[in-house]
Amino acid sequence: MTNKNEFKVSGEELLKKVKKVIKEGNVRRIIIKDEKGRKFLEIPVTVGVLGALAAPIFVAVGAIAALATKFTIEVVKKK
């Protein structure tokens, strides 16, 4: 079973919030949407993401943050 949470953040806060959510653990997927609900990025969070794949994902999130001022981060967690 899964649990979904949504966070509204500004472009400046986006990368910081994504890093914090990943550190908290127990996350299956992170979906980043713009203020109109369009998906920009969907990140499956697995053990591998915390390792070698983390840096490119953070670069992508940082680039997305420059595109708009308001985002919604949908976090899907394991229950």
PDB file of N, CA and C in Angstrom:
ATOM      1  N   MET A   1       0.841  -1.178   0.000  1.00  0.00           N
ATOM      2  CA  MET A   1       0.000   0.000   0.000  1.00  0.00           C
ATOM      3  C   MET A   1       0.888   1.245   0.000  1.00  0.00           C
ATOM      4  N   THR A   2       0.425   2.316  -0.649  1.00  0.00           N
ATOM      5  CA  THR A   2       1.222   3.538  -0.733  1.00  0.00           C
ATOM      6  C   THR A   2       0.477   4.717  -0.128  1.00  0.00           C
ATOM      7  N   ASN A   3       1.238   5.733   0.165  1.00  0.00           N
ATOM      8  CA  ASN A   3       0.716   6.967   0.737  1.00  0.00           C
ATOM      9  C   ASN A   3       1.285   8.118  -0.094  1.00  0.00           C
ATOM     10  N   LYS A   4       0.448   9.077  -0.484  1.00  0.00           N
ATOM     11  CA  LYS A   4       0.923  10.208  -1.290  1.00  0.00           C
ATOM     12  C   LYS A   4       0.831  11.493  -0.481  1.00  0.00           C
ATOM     13  N   ASN A   5       1.864  12.292  -0.591  1.00  0.00           N
ATOM     14  CA  ASN A   5       1.899  13.634   0.002  1.00  0.00           C
ATOM     15  C   ASN A   5       2.276  14.611  -1.092  1.00  0.00           C
ATOM     16  N   GLU A   6       1.734  15.812  -1.022  1.00  0.00           N
ATOM     17  CA  GLU A   6       2.099  16.861  -1.971  1.00  0.00           C
ATOM     18  C   GLU A   6       2.617  18.071  -1.218  1.00  0.00           C
ATOM     19  N   PHE A   7       3.650  18.685  -1.794  1.00  0.00           N
ATOM     20  CA  PHE A   7       4.246  19.883  -1.222  1.00  0.00           C
ATOM     21  C   PHE A   7       4.303  20.947  -2.302  1.00  0.00           C
ATOM     22  N   LYS A   8       3.870  22.137  -1.991  1.00  0.00           N
ATOM     23  CA  LYS A   8       3.972  23.278  -2.907  1.00  0.00           C
ATOM     24  C   LYS A   8       5.266  24.010  -2.548  1.00  0.00           C
ATOM     25  N   VAL A   9       6.116  24.214  -3.541  1.00  0.00           N
ATOM     26  CA  VAL A   9       7.394  24.889  -3.298  1.00  0.00           C
ATOM     27  C   VAL A   9       7.688  25.869  -4.422  1.00  0.00           C
ATOM     28  N   SER A  10       8.556  26.813  -4.130  1.00  0.00           N
ATOM     29  CA  SER A  10       9.014  27.731  -5.173  1.00  0.00           C
ATOM     30  C   SER A  10      10.173  27.076  -5.914  1.00  0.00           C
ATOM     31  N   GLY A  11      10.536  27.652  -7.045  1.00  0.00           N
ATOM     32  CA  GLY A  11      11.667  27.140  -7.804  1.00  0.00           C
ATOM     33  C   GLY A  11      12.941  27.112  -6.987  1.00  0.00           C
ATOM     34  N   GLU A  12      13.110  28.112  -6.115  1.00  0.00           N
ATOM     35  CA  GLU A  12      14.307  28.199  -5.281  1.00  0.00           C
ATOM     36  C   GLU A  12      14.373  27.074  -4.252  1.00  0.00           C
ATOM     37  N   GLU A  13      13.223  26.615  -3.792  1.00  0.00           N
ATOM     38  CA  GLU A  13      13.160  25.590  -2.749  1.00  0.00           C
ATOM     39  C   GLU A  13      13.128  24.167  -3.300  1.00  0.00           C
ATOM     40  N   LEU A  14      12.929  24.018  -4.607  1.00  0.00           N
ATOM     41  CA  LEU A  14      12.694  22.716  -5.214  1.00  0.00           C
ATOM     42  C   LEU A  14      13.800  21.705  -4.925  1.00  0.00           C
ATOM     43  N   LEU A  15      15.022  22.019  -5.249  1.00  0.00           N
ATOM     44  CA  LEU A  15      16.129  21.081  -5.074  1.00  0.00           C
ATOM     45  C   LEU A  15      16.327  20.727  -3.607  1.00  0.00           C
ATOM     46  N   LYS A  16      16.241  21.718  -2.739  1.00  0.00           N
ATOM     47  CA  LYS A  16      16.412  21.482  -1.309  1.00  0.00           C
ATOM     48  C   LYS A  16      15.357  20.500  -0.788  1.00  0.00           C
ATOM     49  N   LYS A  17      14.111  20.682  -1.223  1.00  0.00           N
ATOM     50  CA  LYS A  17      13.013  19.818  -0.761  1.00  0.00           C
ATOM     51  C   LYS A  17      13.172  18.397  -1.299  1.00  0.00           C
ATOM     52  N   VAL A  18      13.565  18.250  -2.552  1.00  0.00           N
ATOM     53  CA  VAL A  18      13.764  16.920  -3.128  1.00  0.00           C
ATOM     54  C   VAL A  18      14.862  16.180  -2.370  1.00  0.00           C
ATOM     55  N   LYS A  19      15.959  16.854  -2.089  1.00  0.00           N
ATOM     56  CA  LYS A  19      17.047  16.223  -1.320  1.00  0.00           C
ATOM     57  C   LYS A  19      16.561  15.802   0.065  1.00  0.00           C
ATOM     58  N   LYS A  20      15.784  16.650   0.708  1.00  0.00           N
ATOM     59  CA  LYS A  20      15.279  16.350   2.048  1.00  0.00           C
ATOM     60  C   LYS A  20      14.351  15.133   2.024  1.00  0.00           C
ATOM     61  N   VAL A  21      13.472  15.065   1.041  1.00  0.00           N
ATOM     62  CA  VAL A  21      12.533  13.945   0.934  1.00  0.00           C
ATOM     63  C   VAL A  21      13.288  12.639   0.714  1.00  0.00           C
ATOM     64  N   ILE A  22      14.314  12.663  -0.128  1.00  0.00           N
ATOM     65  CA  ILE A  22      15.098  11.453  -0.382  1.00  0.00           C
ATOM     66  C   ILE A  22      15.830  11.022   0.884  1.00  0.00           C
ATOM     67  N   LYS A  23      16.392  11.968   1.619  1.00  0.00           N
ATOM     68  CA  LYS A  23      17.100  11.645   2.870  1.00  0.00           C
ATOM     69  C   LYS A  23      16.179  11.014   3.906  1.00  0.00           C
ATOM     70  N   GLU A  24      14.914  11.462   3.949  1.00  0.00           N
ATOM     71  CA  GLU A  24      13.965  10.928   4.919  1.00  0.00           C
ATOM     72  C   GLU A  24      13.701   9.450   4.689  1.00  0.00           C
ATOM     73  N   GLY A  25      13.902   8.976   3.480  1.00  0.00           N
ATOM     74  CA  GLY A  25      13.741   7.565   3.178  1.00  0.00           C
ATOM     75  C   GLY A  25      12.293   7.147   3.038  1.00  0.00           C
ATOM     76  N   ASN A  26      12.092   5.844   2.809  1.00  0.00           N
ATOM     77  CA  ASN A  26      10.775   5.244   2.681  1.00  0.00           C
ATOM     78  C   ASN A  26       9.977   5.855   1.520  1.00  0.00           C
ATOM     79  N   VAL A  27      10.679   6.345   0.499  1.00  0.00           N
ATOM     80  CA  VAL A  27      10.041   6.983  -0.653  1.00  0.00           C
ATOM     81  C   VAL A  27      10.163   6.065  -1.862  1.00  0.00           C
ATOM     82  N   ARG A  28       9.077   5.879  -2.580  1.00  0.00           N
ATOM     83  CA  ARG A  28       9.091   5.065  -3.798  1.00  0.00           C
ATOM     84  C   ARG A  28       9.294   5.911  -5.046  1.00  0.00           C
ATOM     85  N   ARG A  29       8.644   7.075  -5.077  1.00  0.00           N
ATOM     86  CA  ARG A  29       8.669   7.888  -6.294  1.00  0.00           C
ATOM     87  C   ARG A  29       8.467   9.348  -5.935  1.00  0.00           C
ATOM     88  N   ILE A  30       9.118  10.222  -6.692  1.00  0.00           N
ATOM     89  CA  ILE A  30       8.936  11.660  -6.557  1.00  0.00           C
ATOM     90  C   ILE A  30       8.510  12.181  -7.922  1.00  0.00           C
ATOM     91  N   ILE A  31       7.408  12.925  -7.943  1.00  0.00           N
ATOM     92  CA  ILE A  31       6.899  13.500  -9.193  1.00  0.00           C
ATOM     93  C   ILE A  31       6.915  15.017  -9.036  1.00  0.00           C
ATOM     94  N   ILE A  32       7.546  15.696  -9.978  1.00  0.00           N
ATOM     95  CA  ILE A  32       7.620  17.155  -9.947  1.00  0.00           C
ATOM     96  C   ILE A  32       6.690  17.694 -11.027  1.00  0.00           C
ATOM     97  N   LYS A  33       5.748  18.552 -10.610  1.00  0.00           N
ATOM     98  CA  LYS A  33       4.763  19.134 -11.527  1.00  0.00           C
ATOM     99  C   LYS A  33       4.843  20.651 -11.473  1.00  0.00           C
ATOM    100  N   ASP A  34       4.436  21.287 -12.568  1.00  0.00           N
ATOM    101  CA  ASP A  34       4.365  22.745 -12.569  1.00  0.00           C
ATOM    102  C   ASP A  34       3.047  23.185 -11.954  1.00  0.00           C
ATOM    103  N   GLU A  35       2.805  24.480 -11.901  1.00  0.00           N
ATOM    104  CA  GLU A  35       1.601  24.994 -11.248  1.00  0.00           C
ATOM    105  C   GLU A  35       0.314  24.626 -11.983  1.00  0.00           C
ATOM    106  N   LYS A  36       0.422  24.192 -13.234  1.00  0.00           N
ATOM    107  CA  LYS A  36      -0.758  23.749 -13.989  1.00  0.00           C
ATOM    108  C   LYS A  36      -0.970  22.235 -13.901  1.00  0.00           C
ATOM    109  N   GLY A  37      -0.117  21.558 -13.155  1.00  0.00           N
ATOM    110  CA  GLY A  37      -0.258  20.116 -12.967  1.00  0.00           C
ATOM    111  C   GLY A  37       0.456  19.262 -13.998  1.00  0.00           C
ATOM    112  N   ARG A  38       1.212  19.878 -14.919  1.00  0.00           N
ATOM    113  CA  ARG A  38       1.970  19.115 -15.920  1.00  0.00           C
ATOM    114  C   ARG A  38       3.209  18.514 -15.274  1.00  0.00           C
ATOM    115  N   LYS A  39       3.461  17.235 -15.555  1.00  0.00           N
ATOM    116  CA  LYS A  39       4.641  16.565 -15.005  1.00  0.00           C
ATOM    117  C   LYS A  39       5.900  17.032 -15.720  1.00  0.00           C
ATOM    118  N   PHE A  40       6.894  17.410 -14.942  1.00  0.00           N
ATOM    119  CA  PHE A  40       8.211  17.738 -15.489  1.00  0.00           C
ATOM    120  C   PHE A  40       9.144  16.556 -15.367  1.00  0.00           C
ATOM    121  N   LEU A  41       9.073  15.870 -14.226  1.00  0.00           N
ATOM    122  CA  LEU A  41      10.021  14.799 -13.955  1.00  0.00           C
ATOM    123  C   LEU A  41       9.406  13.821 -12.982  1.00  0.00           C
ATOM    124  N   GLU A  42       9.610  12.531 -13.244  1.00  0.00           N
ATOM    125  CA  GLU A  42       9.175  11.488 -12.321  1.00  0.00           C
ATOM    126  C   GLU A  42      10.416  10.674 -11.979  1.00  0.00           C
ATOM    127  N   ILE A  43      10.732  10.613 -10.699  1.00  0.00           N
ATOM    128  CA  ILE A  43      11.954   9.961 -10.243  1.00  0.00           C
ATOM    129  C   ILE A  43      11.591   8.723  -9.429  1.00  0.00           C
ATOM    130  N   PRO A  44      11.915   7.523  -9.937  1.00  0.00           N
ATOM    131  CA  PRO A  44      11.743   6.337  -9.099  1.00  0.00           C
ATOM    132  C   PRO A  44      12.903   6.312  -8.097  1.00  0.00           C
ATOM    133  N   VAL A  45      12.582   6.323  -6.831  1.00  0.00           N
ATOM    134  CA  VAL A  45      13.626   6.388  -5.811  1.00  0.00           C
ATOM    135  C   VAL A  45      13.901   4.976  -5.307  1.00  0.00           C
ATOM    136  N   THR A  46      15.079   4.496  -5.641  1.00  0.00           N
ATOM    137  CA  THR A  46      15.516   3.179  -5.189  1.00  0.00           C
ATOM    138  C   THR A  46      16.860   3.346  -4.510  1.00  0.00           C
ATOM    139  N   VAL A  47      17.397   2.268  -4.029  1.00  0.00           N
ATOM    140  CA  VAL A  47      18.708   2.318  -3.386  1.00  0.00           C
ATOM    141  C   VAL A  47      19.758   2.867  -4.341  1.00  0.00           C
ATOM    142  N   GLY A  48      19.647   2.543  -5.637  1.00  0.00           N
ATOM    143  CA  GLY A  48      20.601   3.022  -6.630  1.00  0.00           C
ATOM    144  C   GLY A  48      20.597   4.526  -6.793  1.00  0.00           C
ATOM    145  N   VAL A  49      19.445   5.155  -6.616  1.00  0.00           N
ATOM    146  CA  VAL A  49      19.352   6.606  -6.758  1.00  0.00           C
ATOM    147  C   VAL A  49      20.206   7.288  -5.704  1.00  0.00           C
ATOM    148  N   LEU A  50      20.252   6.721  -4.529  1.00  0.00           N
ATOM    149  CA  LEU A  50      21.032   7.336  -3.467  1.00  0.00           C
ATOM    150  C   LEU A  50      22.526   7.239  -3.736  1.00  0.00           C
ATOM    151  N   GLY A  51      22.913   6.366  -4.631  1.00  0.00           N
ATOM    152  CA  GLY A  51      24.323   6.193  -4.945  1.00  0.00           C
ATOM    153  C   GLY A  51      24.741   6.990  -6.157  1.00  0.00           C
ATOM    154  N   ALA A  52      25.161   6.295  -7.191  1.00  0.00           N
ATOM    155  CA  ALA A  52      25.756   6.914  -8.371  1.00  0.00           C
ATOM    156  C   ALA A  52      24.791   7.772  -9.179  1.00  0.00           C
ATOM    157  N   LEU A  53      23.504   7.475  -9.141  1.00  0.00           N
ATOM    158  CA  LEU A  53      22.555   8.219  -9.968  1.00  0.00           C
ATOM    159  C   LEU A  53      22.072   9.521  -9.342  1.00  0.00           C
ATOM    160  N   ALA A  54      22.406   9.767  -8.106  1.00  0.00           N
ATOM    161  CA  ALA A  54      21.885  10.947  -7.411  1.00  0.00           C
ATOM    162  C   ALA A  54      22.349  12.257  -8.050  1.00  0.00           C
ATOM    163  N   ALA A  55      23.601  12.359  -8.413  1.00  0.00           N
ATOM    164  CA  ALA A  55      24.131  13.618  -8.942  1.00  0.00           C
ATOM    165  C   ALA A  55      23.409  14.073 -10.219  1.00  0.00           C
ATOM    166  N   PRO A  56      23.246  13.207 -11.241  1.00  0.00           N
ATOM    167  CA  PRO A  56      22.523  13.657 -12.443  1.00  0.00           C
ATOM    168  C   PRO A  56      21.073  14.023 -12.161  1.00  0.00           C
ATOM    169  N   ILE A  57      20.438  13.341 -11.233  1.00  0.00           N
ATOM    170  CA  ILE A  57      19.058  13.668 -10.891  1.00  0.00           C
ATOM    171  C   ILE A  57      18.984  15.051 -10.257  1.00  0.00           C
ATOM    172  N   PHE A  58      19.922  15.365  -9.367  1.00  0.00           N
ATOM    173  CA  PHE A  58      19.931  16.678  -8.729  1.00  0.00           C
ATOM    174  C   PHE A  58      20.225  17.772  -9.743  1.00  0.00           C
ATOM    175  N   VAL A  59      21.048  17.499 -10.748  1.00  0.00           N
ATOM    176  CA  VAL A  59      21.316  18.473 -11.811  1.00  0.00           C
ATOM    177  C   VAL A  59      20.030  18.729 -12.604  1.00  0.00           C
ATOM    178  N   ALA A  60      19.296  17.652 -12.922  1.00  0.00           N
ATOM    179  CA  ALA A  60      18.039  17.795 -13.662  1.00  0.00           C
ATOM    180  C   ALA A  60      17.017  18.588 -12.858  1.00  0.00           C
ATOM    181  N   VAL A  61      16.909  18.297 -11.567  1.00  0.00           N
ATOM    182  CA  VAL A  61      15.969  19.026 -10.713  1.00  0.00           C
ATOM    183  C   VAL A  61      16.352  20.498 -10.648  1.00  0.00           C
ATOM    184  N   GLY A  62      17.651  20.783 -10.552  1.00  0.00           N
ATOM    185  CA  GLY A  62      18.116  22.169 -10.531  1.00  0.00           C
ATOM    186  C   GLY A  62      17.781  22.906 -11.819  1.00  0.00           C
ATOM    187  N   ALA A  63      17.900  22.221 -12.948  1.00  0.00           N
ATOM    188  CA  ALA A  63      17.571  22.838 -14.239  1.00  0.00           C
ATOM    189  C   ALA A  63      16.072  23.101 -14.347  1.00  0.00           C
ATOM    190  N   ILE A  64      15.274  22.176 -13.857  1.00  0.00           N
ATOM    191  CA  ILE A  64      13.824  22.350 -13.877  1.00  0.00           C
ATOM    192  C   ILE A  64      13.414  23.538 -13.017  1.00  0.00           C
ATOM    193  N   ALA A  65      14.095  23.721 -11.899  1.00  0.00           N
ATOM    194  CA  ALA A  65      13.773  24.818 -10.979  1.00  0.00           C
ATOM    195  C   ALA A  65      13.873  26.177 -11.664  1.00  0.00           C
ATOM    196  N   ALA A  66      14.712  26.278 -12.674  1.00  0.00           N
ATOM    197  CA  ALA A  66      14.885  27.542 -13.384  1.00  0.00           C
ATOM    198  C   ALA A  66      13.736  27.820 -14.369  1.00  0.00           C
ATOM    199  N   LEU A  67      12.926  26.811 -14.655  1.00  0.00           N
ATOM    200  CA  LEU A  67      11.877  26.948 -15.667  1.00  0.00           C
ATOM    201  C   LEU A  67      10.600  27.614 -15.172  1.00  0.00           C
ATOM    202  N   ALA A  68      10.303  27.509 -13.914  1.00  0.00           N
ATOM    203  CA  ALA A  68       9.052  28.066 -13.398  1.00  0.00           C
ATOM    204  C   ALA A  68       9.258  28.526 -11.960  1.00  0.00           C
ATOM    205  N   THR A  69       8.280  29.225 -11.429  1.00  0.00           N
ATOM    206  CA  THR A  69       8.426  29.756 -10.084  1.00  0.00           C
ATOM    207  C   THR A  69       7.725  28.929  -9.025  1.00  0.00           C
ATOM    208  N   LYS A  70       6.711  28.154  -9.426  1.00  0.00           N
ATOM    209  CA  LYS A  70       5.968  27.360  -8.451  1.00  0.00           C
ATOM    210  C   LYS A  70       5.860  25.916  -8.913  1.00  0.00           C
ATOM    211  N   PHE A  71       6.083  24.999  -7.992  1.00  0.00           N
ATOM    212  CA  PHE A  71       6.025  23.576  -8.298  1.00  0.00           C
ATOM    213  C   PHE A  71       5.236  22.834  -7.237  1.00  0.00           C
ATOM    214  N   THR A  72       4.777  21.656  -7.612  1.00  0.00           N
ATOM    215  CA  THR A  72       4.201  20.715  -6.667  1.00  0.00           C
ATOM    216  C   THR A  72       5.079  19.480  -6.709  1.00  0.00           C
ATOM    217  N   ILE A  73       5.496  19.018  -5.554  1.00  0.00           N
ATOM    218  CA  ILE A  73       6.256  17.787  -5.442  1.00  0.00           C
ATOM    219  C   ILE A  73       5.307  16.746  -4.868  1.00  0.00           C
ATOM    220  N   GLU A  74       5.044  15.709  -5.623  1.00  0.00           N
ATOM    221  CA  GLU A  74       4.211  14.603  -5.137  1.00  0.00           C
ATOM    222  C   GLU A  74       5.148  13.496  -4.695  1.00  0.00           C
ATOM    223  N   VAL A  75       5.026  13.082  -3.458  1.00  0.00           N
ATOM    224  CA  VAL A  75       5.890  12.051  -2.902  1.00  0.00           C
ATOM    225  C   VAL A  75       5.053  10.814  -2.616  1.00  0.00           C
ATOM    226  N   VAL A  76       5.427   9.703  -3.255  1.00  0.00           N
ATOM    227  CA  VAL A  76       4.736   8.438  -3.032  1.00  0.00           C
ATOM    228  C   VAL A  76       5.608   7.611  -2.090  1.00  0.00           C
ATOM    229  N   LYS A  77       5.049   7.269  -0.929  1.00  0.00           N
ATOM    230  CA  LYS A  77       5.787   6.526   0.087  1.00  0.00           C
ATOM    231  C   LYS A  77       5.185   5.147   0.296  1.00  0.00           C
ATOM    232  N   LYS A  78       6.040   4.226   0.746  1.00  0.00           N
ATOM    233  CA  LYS A  78       5.553   2.921   1.186  1.00  0.00           C
ATOM    234  C   LYS A  78       4.897   3.103   2.531  1.00  0.00           C
ATOM    235  N   LYS A  79       3.854   2.367   2.772  1.00  0.00           N
ATOM    236  CA  LYS A  79       3.210   2.426   4.090  1.00  0.00           C
ATOM    237  C   LYS A  79       3.788   1.419   5.011  1.00  0.00           C
TER     238      LYS A  79
END
